[in-house]
Amino acid sequence: MATTPKLLTYEEWLKLPEAEGIEEVVNGEIRKMPPNKILHVDTVENLADLLKASVDRNKIQVRVSTFGLVTGRDPLTTRVPDVAVFVRSQVVEQDAYIHSAPELIVEVLSPANARGAN
């Protein structure tokens, strides 16, 4: 007989210790990812620099650091986008995480998203 795994709730997730590396929750299931390679990081930083230079930084915030973006609470879904652009006045922060939708979100994909690939 197959069993259904228990899905992680938002409240349970908040109680977990901080994770090493990059971790997202998709539909209540934790997904761990390897650290980004240097070409990936360079691409993200270059794009962020271009975006930051083209917006009013008093009104717009370009996020590039690893941060938690809660996109759903039931089932719990959190993402760690490569680049996210927010209107500062519309950002909803709760429990030290962002709970509002970005104006723009960018995910940089490598030709082969595997730890050993170039």
N, C-alpha and C. Protein backbone atom coordinates (compact mmCIF):
# COMPACT_ATOMS: atom_id res chain seq x y z
N MET A 1 0.84 -1.16 0.00
CA MET A 1 0.00 0.00 0.00
C MET A 1 0.90 1.24 0.00
N ALA A 2 0.65 2.15 -0.92
CA ALA A 2 1.44 3.38 -1.02
C ALA A 2 1.01 4.37 0.04
N THR A 3 1.99 5.09 0.56
CA THR A 3 1.67 6.12 1.54
C THR A 3 1.96 7.49 0.93
N THR A 4 1.21 8.45 1.35
CA THR A 4 1.40 9.82 0.89
C THR A 4 2.31 10.53 1.88
N PRO A 5 3.43 11.13 1.39
CA PRO A 5 4.32 11.81 2.32
C PRO A 5 3.62 13.03 2.94
N LYS A 6 3.96 13.30 4.20
CA LYS A 6 3.38 14.47 4.87
C LYS A 6 4.01 15.72 4.27
N LEU A 7 3.17 16.67 3.90
CA LEU A 7 3.65 17.91 3.32
C LEU A 7 3.99 18.90 4.43
N LEU A 8 5.06 19.63 4.21
CA LEU A 8 5.54 20.62 5.16
C LEU A 8 4.62 21.83 5.16
N THR A 9 4.22 22.28 6.34
CA THR A 9 3.39 23.48 6.43
C THR A 9 4.28 24.70 6.61
N TYR A 10 3.69 25.87 6.44
CA TYR A 10 4.42 27.12 6.61
C TYR A 10 4.96 27.23 8.04
N GLU A 11 4.14 26.92 9.01
CA GLU A 11 4.54 27.00 10.41
C GLU A 11 5.67 26.03 10.72
N GLU A 12 5.62 24.82 10.19
CA GLU A 12 6.70 23.85 10.39
C GLU A 12 7.99 24.33 9.72
N TRP A 13 7.86 24.90 8.53
CA TRP A 13 9.02 25.40 7.78
C TRP A 13 9.73 26.50 8.56
N LEU A 14 8.97 27.40 9.18
CA LEU A 14 9.57 28.48 9.96
C LEU A 14 10.40 27.96 11.12
N LYS A 15 10.07 26.80 11.64
CA LYS A 15 10.77 26.24 12.80
C LYS A 15 12.03 25.46 12.40
N LEU A 16 12.22 25.18 11.12
CA LEU A 16 13.40 24.42 10.68
C LEU A 16 14.66 25.26 10.83
N PRO A 17 15.80 24.62 11.10
CA PRO A 17 17.06 25.37 11.13
C PRO A 17 17.42 25.85 9.73
N GLU A 18 18.22 26.91 9.66
CA GLU A 18 18.64 27.41 8.36
C GLU A 18 19.41 26.32 7.62
N ALA A 19 19.16 26.20 6.33
CA ALA A 19 19.75 25.14 5.52
C ALA A 19 21.08 25.59 4.92
N GLU A 20 21.96 24.65 4.71
CA GLU A 20 23.19 24.89 3.96
C GLU A 20 22.84 24.86 2.48
N GLY A 21 23.38 25.77 1.70
CA GLY A 21 23.13 25.77 0.26
C GLY A 21 21.78 26.37 -0.07
N ILE A 22 21.29 26.06 -1.25
CA ILE A 22 20.04 26.61 -1.76
C ILE A 22 18.93 25.59 -1.55
N GLU A 23 17.82 26.06 -1.01
CA GLU A 23 16.70 25.17 -0.72
C GLU A 23 15.40 25.88 -1.04
N GLU A 24 14.53 25.19 -1.76
CA GLU A 24 13.19 25.69 -2.05
C GLU A 24 12.19 24.66 -1.55
N VAL A 25 10.96 25.11 -1.39
CA VAL A 25 9.87 24.20 -1.04
C VAL A 25 8.85 24.29 -2.17
N VAL A 26 8.52 23.15 -2.75
CA VAL A 26 7.55 23.11 -3.84
C VAL A 26 6.41 22.19 -3.43
N ASN A 27 5.23 22.79 -3.32
CA ASN A 27 4.04 22.04 -2.91
C ASN A 27 4.28 21.23 -1.64
N GLY A 28 4.96 21.86 -0.66
CA GLY A 28 5.17 21.24 0.63
C GLY A 28 6.36 20.30 0.72
N GLU A 29 7.10 20.10 -0.36
CA GLU A 29 8.26 19.20 -0.36
C GLU A 29 9.55 20.00 -0.54
N ILE A 30 10.53 19.76 0.34
CA ILE A 30 11.80 20.48 0.28
C ILE A 30 12.63 19.96 -0.89
N ARG A 31 13.21 20.90 -1.63
CA ARG A 31 14.11 20.57 -2.75
C ARG A 31 15.43 21.29 -2.53
N LYS A 32 16.49 20.51 -2.41
CA LYS A 32 17.83 21.07 -2.23
C LYS A 32 18.52 21.15 -3.58
N MET A 33 19.30 22.22 -3.76
CA MET A 33 19.99 22.43 -5.03
C MET A 33 21.46 22.71 -4.76
N PRO A 34 22.33 22.31 -5.67
CA PRO A 34 23.76 22.59 -5.47
C PRO A 34 24.03 24.08 -5.62
N PRO A 35 25.14 24.55 -5.07
CA PRO A 35 25.48 25.97 -5.23
C PRO A 35 25.67 26.32 -6.70
N ASN A 36 25.46 27.58 -7.02
CA ASN A 36 25.61 28.04 -8.40
C ASN A 36 27.08 28.08 -8.81
N LYS A 37 27.33 27.80 -10.09
CA LYS A 37 28.68 27.89 -10.63
C LYS A 37 29.00 29.34 -10.95
N ILE A 38 30.29 29.65 -11.11
CA ILE A 38 30.74 31.02 -11.26
C ILE A 38 30.16 31.70 -12.51
N LEU A 39 30.01 31.01 -13.62
CA LEU A 39 29.44 31.62 -14.82
C LEU A 39 27.99 32.04 -14.56
N HIS A 40 27.27 31.22 -13.83
CA HIS A 40 25.89 31.53 -13.45
C HIS A 40 25.88 32.81 -12.61
N VAL A 41 26.74 32.88 -11.61
CA VAL A 41 26.81 34.03 -10.72
C VAL A 41 27.19 35.29 -11.50
N ASP A 42 28.16 35.18 -12.39
CA ASP A 42 28.56 36.33 -13.21
C ASP A 42 27.40 36.85 -14.05
N THR A 43 26.64 35.94 -14.64
CA THR A 43 25.49 36.32 -15.46
C THR A 43 24.45 37.05 -14.62
N VAL A 44 24.15 36.51 -13.45
CA VAL A 44 23.17 37.13 -12.55
C VAL A 44 23.63 38.52 -12.12
N GLU A 45 24.89 38.64 -11.72
CA GLU A 45 25.39 39.93 -11.26
C GLU A 45 25.41 40.97 -12.38
N ASN A 46 25.80 40.55 -13.59
CA ASN A 46 25.82 41.48 -14.72
C ASN A 46 24.41 41.97 -15.06
N LEU A 47 23.46 41.07 -15.07
CA LEU A 47 22.07 41.45 -15.34
C LEU A 47 21.56 42.39 -14.25
N ALA A 48 21.85 42.07 -13.01
CA ALA A 48 21.40 42.92 -11.90
C ALA A 48 22.02 44.32 -12.00
N ASP A 49 23.28 44.40 -12.37
CA ASP A 49 23.93 45.71 -12.53
C ASP A 49 23.22 46.53 -13.60
N LEU A 50 22.85 45.90 -14.72
CA LEU A 50 22.13 46.60 -15.78
C LEU A 50 20.77 47.08 -15.31
N LEU A 51 20.06 46.23 -14.59
CA LEU A 51 18.74 46.60 -14.09
C LEU A 51 18.84 47.74 -13.07
N LYS A 52 19.78 47.63 -12.15
CA LYS A 52 19.93 48.67 -11.12
C LYS A 52 20.26 50.03 -11.74
N ALA A 53 21.03 50.01 -12.82
CA ALA A 53 21.41 51.27 -13.47
C ALA A 53 20.25 51.91 -14.23
N SER A 54 19.19 51.15 -14.48
CA SER A 54 18.10 51.67 -15.31
C SER A 54 16.81 51.96 -14.54
N VAL A 55 16.83 51.85 -13.20
CA VAL A 55 15.63 52.11 -12.41
C VAL A 55 15.90 53.16 -11.35
N ASP A 56 14.84 53.76 -10.82
CA ASP A 56 14.93 54.67 -9.69
C ASP A 56 15.04 53.81 -8.43
N ARG A 57 16.22 53.75 -7.85
CA ARG A 57 16.48 52.86 -6.72
C ARG A 57 15.71 53.26 -5.46
N ASN A 58 15.16 54.46 -5.43
CA ASN A 58 14.33 54.87 -4.30
C ASN A 58 12.94 54.23 -4.38
N LYS A 59 12.51 53.89 -5.59
CA LYS A 59 11.18 53.30 -5.80
C LYS A 59 11.23 51.81 -6.14
N ILE A 60 12.32 51.39 -6.76
CA ILE A 60 12.44 50.02 -7.25
C ILE A 60 13.61 49.33 -6.55
N GLN A 61 13.39 48.08 -6.20
CA GLN A 61 14.45 47.29 -5.56
C GLN A 61 14.76 46.07 -6.42
N VAL A 62 16.04 45.90 -6.74
CA VAL A 62 16.50 44.75 -7.50
C VAL A 62 17.19 43.82 -6.50
N ARG A 63 16.64 42.65 -6.30
CA ARG A 63 17.20 41.67 -5.35
C ARG A 63 17.98 40.61 -6.11
N VAL A 64 19.21 40.37 -5.66
CA VAL A 64 20.02 39.32 -6.27
C VAL A 64 20.60 38.36 -5.26
N SER A 65 20.55 38.71 -3.99
CA SER A 65 21.08 37.80 -2.99
C SER A 65 20.10 36.65 -2.79
N THR A 66 20.59 35.58 -2.22
CA THR A 66 19.72 34.44 -1.95
C THR A 66 18.74 34.84 -0.86
N PHE A 67 17.47 34.91 -1.21
CA PHE A 67 16.44 35.27 -0.25
C PHE A 67 15.21 34.41 -0.48
N GLY A 68 14.40 34.31 0.54
CA GLY A 68 13.20 33.49 0.44
C GLY A 68 12.02 34.28 -0.07
N LEU A 69 11.39 33.77 -1.10
CA LEU A 69 10.19 34.36 -1.67
C LEU A 69 9.06 33.34 -1.50
N VAL A 70 8.11 33.67 -0.65
CA VAL A 70 6.98 32.76 -0.40
C VAL A 70 5.92 33.05 -1.44
N THR A 71 5.64 32.05 -2.29
CA THR A 71 4.66 32.23 -3.36
C THR A 71 3.33 31.54 -3.06
N GLY A 72 3.31 30.71 -2.03
CA GLY A 72 2.07 30.05 -1.63
C GLY A 72 2.22 29.44 -0.26
N ARG A 73 1.14 29.45 0.52
CA ARG A 73 1.21 28.90 1.87
C ARG A 73 0.47 27.57 2.02
N ASP A 74 -0.46 27.27 1.11
CA ASP A 74 -1.20 26.01 1.22
C ASP A 74 -1.50 25.46 -0.16
N PRO A 75 -0.67 24.59 -0.69
CA PRO A 75 0.52 24.03 -0.08
C PRO A 75 1.68 25.02 -0.10
N LEU A 76 2.61 24.84 0.82
CA LEU A 76 3.74 25.74 0.94
C LEU A 76 4.63 25.68 -0.29
N THR A 77 4.91 26.84 -0.86
CA THR A 77 5.85 26.95 -1.97
C THR A 77 6.72 28.17 -1.74
N THR A 78 8.03 27.96 -1.71
CA THR A 78 8.98 29.06 -1.58
C THR A 78 10.00 28.93 -2.71
N ARG A 79 10.47 30.05 -3.18
CA ARG A 79 11.44 30.06 -4.27
C ARG A 79 12.63 30.93 -3.88
N VAL A 80 13.75 30.69 -4.54
CA VAL A 80 14.96 31.50 -4.38
C VAL A 80 15.34 31.95 -5.79
N PRO A 81 14.73 33.05 -6.25
CA PRO A 81 15.00 33.50 -7.62
C PRO A 81 16.40 34.07 -7.77
N ASP A 82 16.93 34.01 -8.99
CA ASP A 82 18.24 34.60 -9.25
C ASP A 82 18.17 36.12 -9.18
N VAL A 83 17.17 36.71 -9.82
CA VAL A 83 16.96 38.15 -9.80
C VAL A 83 15.46 38.40 -9.66
N ALA A 84 15.12 39.34 -8.79
CA ALA A 84 13.72 39.73 -8.64
C ALA A 84 13.66 41.25 -8.49
N VAL A 85 12.69 41.85 -9.17
CA VAL A 85 12.52 43.30 -9.14
C VAL A 85 11.19 43.60 -8.47
N PHE A 86 11.24 44.47 -7.44
CA PHE A 86 10.06 44.83 -6.66
C PHE A 86 9.85 46.33 -6.65
N VAL A 87 8.59 46.75 -6.60
CA VAL A 87 8.25 48.13 -6.28
C VAL A 87 8.31 48.20 -4.75
N ARG A 88 9.19 49.03 -4.24
CA ARG A 88 9.43 49.08 -2.79
C ARG A 88 8.15 49.26 -1.98
N SER A 89 7.25 50.12 -2.44
CA SER A 89 6.03 50.42 -1.69
C SER A 89 5.04 49.26 -1.67
N GLN A 90 5.26 48.25 -2.50
CA GLN A 90 4.33 47.12 -2.58
C GLN A 90 4.87 45.84 -1.96
N VAL A 91 6.08 45.90 -1.41
CA VAL A 91 6.69 44.69 -0.84
C VAL A 91 6.00 44.34 0.48
N VAL A 92 5.60 43.08 0.58
CA VAL A 92 5.00 42.56 1.80
C VAL A 92 6.03 41.63 2.44
N GLU A 93 6.49 42.02 3.62
CA GLU A 93 7.46 41.20 4.35
C GLU A 93 6.79 40.63 5.59
N GLN A 94 6.96 39.32 5.77
CA GLN A 94 6.40 38.65 6.93
C GLN A 94 7.38 37.57 7.36
N ASP A 95 7.66 37.51 8.64
CA ASP A 95 8.58 36.50 9.19
C ASP A 95 9.95 36.57 8.51
N ALA A 96 10.37 37.76 8.09
CA ALA A 96 11.66 38.02 7.44
C ALA A 96 11.75 37.42 6.03
N TYR A 97 10.62 37.12 5.42
CA TYR A 97 10.56 36.64 4.04
C TYR A 97 9.64 37.55 3.24
N ILE A 98 9.84 37.59 1.94
CA ILE A 98 8.97 38.38 1.08
C ILE A 98 7.78 37.52 0.66
N HIS A 99 6.59 38.10 0.77
CA HIS A 99 5.35 37.40 0.43
C HIS A 99 4.60 38.09 -0.71
N SER A 100 5.25 38.99 -1.41
CA SER A 100 4.58 39.70 -2.51
C SER A 100 5.21 39.32 -3.84
N ALA A 101 4.41 39.42 -4.87
CA ALA A 101 4.89 39.05 -6.21
C ALA A 101 5.82 40.13 -6.76
N PRO A 102 6.94 39.71 -7.34
CA PRO A 102 7.82 40.69 -7.97
C PRO A 102 7.25 41.17 -9.30
N GLU A 103 7.71 42.34 -9.73
CA GLU A 103 7.34 42.87 -11.04
C GLU A 103 8.03 42.08 -12.14
N LEU A 104 9.23 41.61 -11.83
CA LEU A 104 10.03 40.83 -12.78
C LEU A 104 10.79 39.79 -11.98
N ILE A 105 10.86 38.59 -12.52
CA ILE A 105 11.64 37.54 -11.89
C ILE A 105 12.46 36.86 -12.98
N VAL A 106 13.73 36.60 -12.68
CA VAL A 106 14.64 36.00 -13.66
C VAL A 106 15.28 34.77 -13.06
N GLU A 107 15.26 33.70 -13.80
CA GLU A 107 15.94 32.47 -13.42
C GLU A 107 16.94 32.15 -14.53
N VAL A 108 18.21 32.14 -14.19
CA VAL A 108 19.26 31.88 -15.17
C VAL A 108 19.51 30.38 -15.21
N LEU A 109 19.38 29.81 -16.40
CA LEU A 109 19.61 28.38 -16.57
C LEU A 109 20.90 28.14 -17.33
N SER A 110 21.67 27.19 -16.86
CA SER A 110 22.89 26.80 -17.55
C SER A 110 22.54 25.79 -18.63
N PRO A 111 23.43 25.61 -19.65
CA PRO A 111 23.14 24.62 -20.68
C PRO A 111 22.84 23.24 -20.11
N ALA A 112 23.52 22.89 -19.04
CA ALA A 112 23.25 21.62 -18.39
C ALA A 112 23.20 21.89 -16.88
N ASN A 113 22.01 21.88 -16.33
CA ASN A 113 21.87 22.16 -14.90
C ASN A 113 22.14 20.91 -14.07
N ALA A 114 23.40 20.49 -14.09
CA ALA A 114 23.83 19.36 -13.29
C ALA A 114 25.16 19.72 -12.65
N ARG A 115 25.42 19.18 -11.50
CA ARG A 115 26.60 19.54 -10.73
C ARG A 115 27.89 19.35 -11.51
N GLY A 116 28.04 18.28 -12.28
CA GLY A 116 29.29 18.00 -12.98
C GLY A 116 29.38 18.60 -14.37
N ALA A 117 28.30 19.15 -14.88
CA ALA A 117 28.30 19.69 -16.25
C ALA A 117 28.91 21.08 -16.29
N ASN A 118 29.36 21.49 -17.46
CA ASN A 118 29.95 22.83 -17.61
C ASN A 118 28.92 23.86 -17.82
